[in-house]
N, C-alpha and C. Protein backbone atom coordinates (compact mmCIF):
# COMPACT_ATOMS: atom_id res chain seq x y z
N MET A 1 72.24 57.60 89.23
CA MET A 1 73.57 58.20 89.34
C MET A 1 73.81 59.02 88.07
N SER A 2 74.24 60.27 88.22
CA SER A 2 74.47 61.15 87.07
C SER A 2 75.75 60.73 86.34
N SER A 3 75.88 61.25 85.11
CA SER A 3 77.07 60.90 84.32
C SER A 3 78.34 61.46 84.98
N GLY A 4 78.22 62.61 85.70
CA GLY A 4 79.37 63.14 86.44
C GLY A 4 79.78 62.23 87.58
N ASP A 5 78.78 61.65 88.28
CA ASP A 5 79.07 60.71 89.37
C ASP A 5 79.75 59.45 88.83
N VAL A 6 79.27 58.98 87.66
CA VAL A 6 79.87 57.80 87.04
C VAL A 6 81.33 58.08 86.69
N ARG A 7 81.59 59.25 86.12
CA ARG A 7 82.96 59.60 85.74
C ARG A 7 83.85 59.77 86.98
N LEU A 8 83.31 60.34 88.05
CA LEU A 8 84.08 60.47 89.31
C LEU A 8 84.43 59.09 89.86
N ARG A 9 83.45 58.18 89.87
CA ARG A 9 83.69 56.84 90.38
C ARG A 9 84.74 56.13 89.53
N GLN A 10 84.66 56.32 88.19
CA GLN A 10 85.63 55.72 87.29
C GLN A 10 87.04 56.26 87.57
N PHE A 11 87.13 57.59 87.78
CA PHE A 11 88.42 58.21 88.12
C PHE A 11 88.94 57.66 89.42
N LEU A 12 88.09 57.50 90.41
CA LEU A 12 88.48 56.96 91.71
C LEU A 12 89.01 55.54 91.57
N ASN A 13 88.33 54.72 90.78
CA ASN A 13 88.71 53.31 90.62
C ASN A 13 89.88 53.11 89.69
N GLU A 14 90.02 53.91 88.65
CA GLU A 14 91.01 53.64 87.62
C GLU A 14 92.16 54.65 87.56
N GLY A 15 92.01 55.78 88.21
CA GLY A 15 93.05 56.82 88.16
C GLY A 15 94.30 56.40 88.95
N GLN A 16 95.43 56.93 88.54
CA GLN A 16 96.70 56.67 89.23
C GLN A 16 96.82 57.60 90.42
N ALA A 17 97.59 57.16 91.43
CA ALA A 17 97.83 57.99 92.61
C ALA A 17 98.43 59.33 92.15
N TRP A 18 97.91 60.41 92.69
CA TRP A 18 98.31 61.78 92.44
C TRP A 18 97.98 62.25 91.03
N GLU A 19 97.20 61.49 90.26
CA GLU A 19 96.78 61.93 88.93
C GLU A 19 95.85 63.14 89.07
N LYS A 20 96.01 64.08 88.15
CA LYS A 20 95.23 65.29 88.20
C LYS A 20 94.38 65.37 86.94
N LYS A 21 93.10 65.74 87.10
CA LYS A 21 92.18 65.96 85.99
C LYS A 21 91.75 67.42 86.01
N VAL A 22 91.94 68.10 84.90
CA VAL A 22 91.50 69.48 84.77
C VAL A 22 90.01 69.49 84.62
N THR A 23 89.33 70.45 85.23
CA THR A 23 87.88 70.59 85.09
C THR A 23 87.55 71.78 84.17
N ASN A 24 86.28 71.97 83.89
CA ASN A 24 85.88 73.11 83.10
C ASN A 24 85.76 74.39 83.95
N ILE A 25 86.10 74.32 85.21
CA ILE A 25 86.15 75.49 86.09
C ILE A 25 87.60 75.97 86.13
N PRO A 26 87.91 77.13 85.61
CA PRO A 26 89.31 77.61 85.60
C PRO A 26 89.91 77.63 87.01
N GLY A 27 91.05 77.02 87.17
CA GLY A 27 91.76 77.00 88.44
C GLY A 27 91.34 75.88 89.37
N VAL A 28 90.41 74.99 88.93
CA VAL A 28 89.92 73.88 89.75
C VAL A 28 90.21 72.60 89.05
N SER A 29 90.89 71.65 89.74
CA SER A 29 91.19 70.32 89.22
C SER A 29 90.74 69.27 90.22
N LEU A 30 90.68 68.05 89.74
CA LEU A 30 90.42 66.91 90.62
C LEU A 30 91.75 66.21 90.81
N LEU A 31 91.97 65.67 91.99
CA LEU A 31 93.23 65.03 92.35
C LEU A 31 92.94 63.68 92.99
N LYS A 32 93.53 62.63 92.47
CA LYS A 32 93.36 61.27 93.04
C LYS A 32 94.38 61.11 94.15
N LEU A 33 93.89 60.98 95.38
CA LEU A 33 94.75 60.82 96.54
C LEU A 33 94.96 59.31 96.77
N PRO A 34 96.17 58.89 97.05
CA PRO A 34 96.45 57.45 97.25
C PRO A 34 96.03 57.00 98.65
N THR A 35 96.12 55.70 98.86
CA THR A 35 95.95 55.10 100.19
C THR A 35 97.00 55.71 101.10
N PHE A 36 96.59 56.10 102.33
CA PHE A 36 97.56 56.68 103.27
C PHE A 36 97.15 56.30 104.69
N LYS A 37 98.02 55.68 105.39
CA LYS A 37 97.82 55.29 106.79
C LYS A 37 96.46 54.62 107.01
N GLY A 38 96.17 53.66 106.15
CA GLY A 38 94.94 52.90 106.32
C GLY A 38 93.70 53.48 105.72
N THR A 39 93.76 54.69 105.14
CA THR A 39 92.59 55.26 104.50
C THR A 39 92.54 54.79 103.06
N SER A 40 91.33 54.70 102.53
CA SER A 40 91.14 54.29 101.14
C SER A 40 91.52 55.43 100.20
N PRO A 41 91.83 55.08 98.95
CA PRO A 41 92.08 56.16 97.98
C PRO A 41 90.84 57.03 97.89
N SER A 42 91.05 58.30 97.54
CA SER A 42 89.92 59.22 97.45
C SER A 42 90.22 60.29 96.41
N ILE A 43 89.18 61.07 96.12
CA ILE A 43 89.34 62.21 95.20
C ILE A 43 89.19 63.49 95.99
N ALA A 44 90.02 64.45 95.65
CA ALA A 44 89.95 65.77 96.28
C ALA A 44 89.86 66.83 95.19
N ILE A 45 89.44 68.00 95.60
CA ILE A 45 89.45 69.18 94.71
C ILE A 45 90.73 69.94 94.99
N GLU A 46 91.41 70.36 93.94
CA GLU A 46 92.58 71.22 94.10
C GLU A 46 92.26 72.56 93.47
N VAL A 47 92.39 73.64 94.24
CA VAL A 47 92.13 74.99 93.76
C VAL A 47 93.47 75.70 93.69
N SER A 48 93.80 76.18 92.49
CA SER A 48 95.06 76.88 92.29
C SER A 48 94.81 78.06 91.38
N PRO A 49 95.07 79.27 91.89
CA PRO A 49 94.81 80.46 91.09
C PRO A 49 95.59 80.44 89.75
N LEU A 50 94.99 81.05 88.73
CA LEU A 50 95.61 81.13 87.42
C LEU A 50 96.15 82.53 87.17
N ASN A 51 97.22 82.62 86.40
CA ASN A 51 97.73 83.91 86.02
C ASN A 51 96.97 84.38 84.77
N PRO A 52 97.20 85.59 84.27
CA PRO A 52 96.46 86.07 83.09
C PRO A 52 96.66 85.18 81.85
N ALA A 53 97.75 84.46 81.79
CA ALA A 53 98.01 83.59 80.62
C ALA A 53 97.29 82.25 80.75
N GLY A 54 96.65 81.99 81.92
CA GLY A 54 95.92 80.75 82.11
C GLY A 54 96.71 79.61 82.77
N SER A 55 97.90 79.89 83.19
CA SER A 55 98.73 78.89 83.84
C SER A 55 98.56 79.00 85.36
N SER A 56 98.71 77.87 86.03
CA SER A 56 98.62 77.84 87.48
C SER A 56 99.72 78.66 88.11
N THR A 57 99.42 79.39 89.15
CA THR A 57 100.42 80.21 89.82
C THR A 57 101.11 79.45 90.93
N LYS A 58 100.67 78.23 91.20
CA LYS A 58 101.23 77.44 92.28
C LYS A 58 101.57 76.06 91.82
N ARG A 59 102.59 75.48 92.40
CA ARG A 59 102.94 74.10 92.10
C ARG A 59 101.86 73.17 92.65
N ARG A 60 101.42 73.43 93.85
CA ARG A 60 100.34 72.68 94.49
C ARG A 60 99.36 73.67 95.07
N GLY A 61 98.09 73.53 94.76
CA GLY A 61 97.07 74.43 95.24
C GLY A 61 96.50 74.01 96.59
N VAL A 62 95.37 74.57 96.91
CA VAL A 62 94.66 74.23 98.14
C VAL A 62 93.89 72.94 97.85
N ILE A 63 94.08 71.96 98.71
CA ILE A 63 93.43 70.66 98.56
C ILE A 63 92.19 70.63 99.46
N ILE A 64 91.03 70.32 98.86
CA ILE A 64 89.77 70.26 99.60
C ILE A 64 89.26 68.82 99.52
N ARG A 65 89.11 68.19 100.69
CA ARG A 65 88.74 66.79 100.73
C ARG A 65 87.26 66.52 101.00
N SER A 66 86.50 67.55 101.38
CA SER A 66 85.09 67.32 101.72
C SER A 66 84.34 68.64 101.67
N SER A 67 83.02 68.53 101.67
CA SER A 67 82.20 69.76 101.66
C SER A 67 82.34 70.51 102.98
N SER A 68 82.53 69.80 104.09
CA SER A 68 82.70 70.49 105.38
C SER A 68 84.04 71.26 105.39
N GLU A 69 85.05 70.69 104.78
CA GLU A 69 86.33 71.37 104.70
C GLU A 69 86.21 72.62 103.83
N LEU A 70 85.45 72.54 102.72
CA LEU A 70 85.20 73.69 101.85
C LEU A 70 84.47 74.77 102.64
N ASP A 71 83.47 74.40 103.43
CA ASP A 71 82.73 75.36 104.24
C ASP A 71 83.68 76.12 105.19
N GLU A 72 84.56 75.39 105.83
CA GLU A 72 85.50 76.01 106.76
C GLU A 72 86.47 76.94 106.02
N ILE A 73 86.96 76.51 104.87
CA ILE A 73 87.87 77.39 104.09
C ILE A 73 87.14 78.66 103.65
N ASN A 74 85.88 78.50 103.21
CA ASN A 74 85.09 79.68 102.84
C ASN A 74 84.92 80.64 104.02
N ARG A 75 84.68 80.08 105.20
CA ARG A 75 84.51 80.91 106.41
C ARG A 75 85.80 81.67 106.70
N LEU A 76 86.93 80.98 106.61
CA LEU A 76 88.20 81.63 106.86
C LEU A 76 88.52 82.73 105.85
N LEU A 77 88.28 82.41 104.56
CA LEU A 77 88.62 83.37 103.52
C LEU A 77 87.69 84.59 103.50
N SER A 78 86.49 84.44 104.05
CA SER A 78 85.53 85.57 104.08
C SER A 78 85.83 86.53 105.24
N ASN A 79 86.75 86.19 106.10
CA ASN A 79 87.13 87.05 107.23
C ASN A 79 87.83 88.30 106.64
N PRO A 80 87.32 89.49 106.90
CA PRO A 80 87.93 90.71 106.34
C PRO A 80 89.39 90.89 106.75
N LYS A 81 89.79 90.33 107.87
CA LYS A 81 91.18 90.45 108.29
C LYS A 81 92.11 89.70 107.38
N VAL A 82 91.63 88.59 106.79
CA VAL A 82 92.46 87.85 105.81
C VAL A 82 92.67 88.67 104.56
N ALA A 83 91.63 89.36 104.08
CA ALA A 83 91.75 90.24 102.93
C ALA A 83 92.72 91.38 103.22
N GLN A 84 92.64 91.97 104.40
CA GLN A 84 93.58 93.03 104.77
C GLN A 84 95.00 92.51 104.87
N LEU A 85 95.16 91.33 105.42
CA LEU A 85 96.50 90.74 105.49
C LEU A 85 97.09 90.55 104.09
N ALA A 86 96.28 90.06 103.14
CA ALA A 86 96.75 89.85 101.78
C ALA A 86 97.17 91.19 101.15
N LYS A 87 96.42 92.25 101.38
CA LYS A 87 96.76 93.57 100.85
C LYS A 87 98.07 94.07 101.47
N SER A 88 98.26 93.83 102.75
CA SER A 88 99.49 94.24 103.42
C SER A 88 100.70 93.47 102.86
N ILE A 89 100.49 92.18 102.58
CA ILE A 89 101.56 91.38 101.98
C ILE A 89 101.90 91.92 100.59
N ASP A 90 100.87 92.30 99.79
CA ASP A 90 101.11 92.87 98.46
C ASP A 90 101.99 94.11 98.54
N GLU A 91 101.80 94.90 99.60
CA GLU A 91 102.55 96.14 99.73
C GLU A 91 104.02 95.90 100.09
N VAL A 92 104.33 94.84 100.82
CA VAL A 92 105.72 94.64 101.24
C VAL A 92 106.48 93.66 100.35
N ASN A 93 105.81 92.79 99.64
CA ASN A 93 106.50 91.81 98.78
C ASN A 93 106.97 92.46 97.49
N PRO A 94 108.11 92.01 96.97
CA PRO A 94 108.53 92.52 95.64
C PRO A 94 107.57 92.00 94.55
N SER A 95 107.47 92.75 93.45
CA SER A 95 106.59 92.32 92.36
C SER A 95 107.17 91.09 91.68
N ARG A 96 106.31 90.30 91.06
CA ARG A 96 106.71 89.05 90.42
C ARG A 96 106.45 89.13 88.91
N GLU A 97 107.28 88.43 88.14
CA GLU A 97 107.09 88.36 86.69
C GLU A 97 106.01 87.37 86.35
N PRO A 98 105.11 87.71 85.42
CA PRO A 98 104.06 86.75 85.03
C PRO A 98 104.66 85.55 84.26
N ALA A 99 104.06 84.38 84.43
CA ALA A 99 104.50 83.16 83.73
C ALA A 99 103.83 83.10 82.36
N SER A 100 104.39 82.29 81.47
CA SER A 100 103.82 82.15 80.13
C SER A 100 102.68 81.13 80.14
N ALA A 101 101.90 81.09 79.07
CA ALA A 101 100.74 80.20 78.94
C ALA A 101 101.18 78.76 78.82
N LYS A 102 100.32 77.86 79.30
CA LYS A 102 100.55 76.42 79.23
C LYS A 102 100.02 75.88 77.91
N ASP A 103 100.72 74.92 77.30
CA ASP A 103 100.31 74.37 76.02
C ASP A 103 99.46 73.13 76.20
N GLY A 104 98.51 72.93 75.28
CA GLY A 104 97.82 71.69 75.09
C GLY A 104 97.13 71.05 76.28
N VAL A 105 96.31 71.76 77.01
CA VAL A 105 95.54 71.14 78.08
C VAL A 105 94.37 70.42 77.43
N ASN A 106 94.27 69.09 77.65
CA ASN A 106 93.16 68.35 77.10
C ASN A 106 92.57 67.45 78.16
N ASP A 107 91.55 66.67 77.79
CA ASP A 107 90.85 65.78 78.71
C ASP A 107 90.29 66.55 79.88
N ILE A 108 89.46 67.56 79.58
CA ILE A 108 88.88 68.41 80.59
C ILE A 108 87.68 67.70 81.24
N PHE A 109 87.61 67.71 82.55
CA PHE A 109 86.52 67.08 83.30
C PHE A 109 85.43 68.10 83.46
N GLU A 110 84.29 67.86 82.80
CA GLU A 110 83.15 68.78 82.85
C GLU A 110 82.43 68.65 84.18
N ILE A 111 82.13 69.77 84.81
CA ILE A 111 81.38 69.78 86.09
C ILE A 111 79.96 70.19 85.82
């Protein structure tokens, strides 16, 4: 078992429900999901885009619970119509003010 696997297992066993661990991949965190409707606690990946200052642009990002779910999200996002839809939204939405940088992010989970 690799040291990353050991740390993931430790996070699964000892982390608090909804606890988030920042990773060394910008915009990617680990999220401890609690027991829900008979399912065991689990770890998910949370992807949340960052602004130029390095702060998350979303309160809650995209939650990925498995590699098959990631494959499906990749398939959907690679559809050129999704890219065109995003460009169309950019054209009609009002511009937004950038947020300021976040202070003191520590305890980074190395991937």
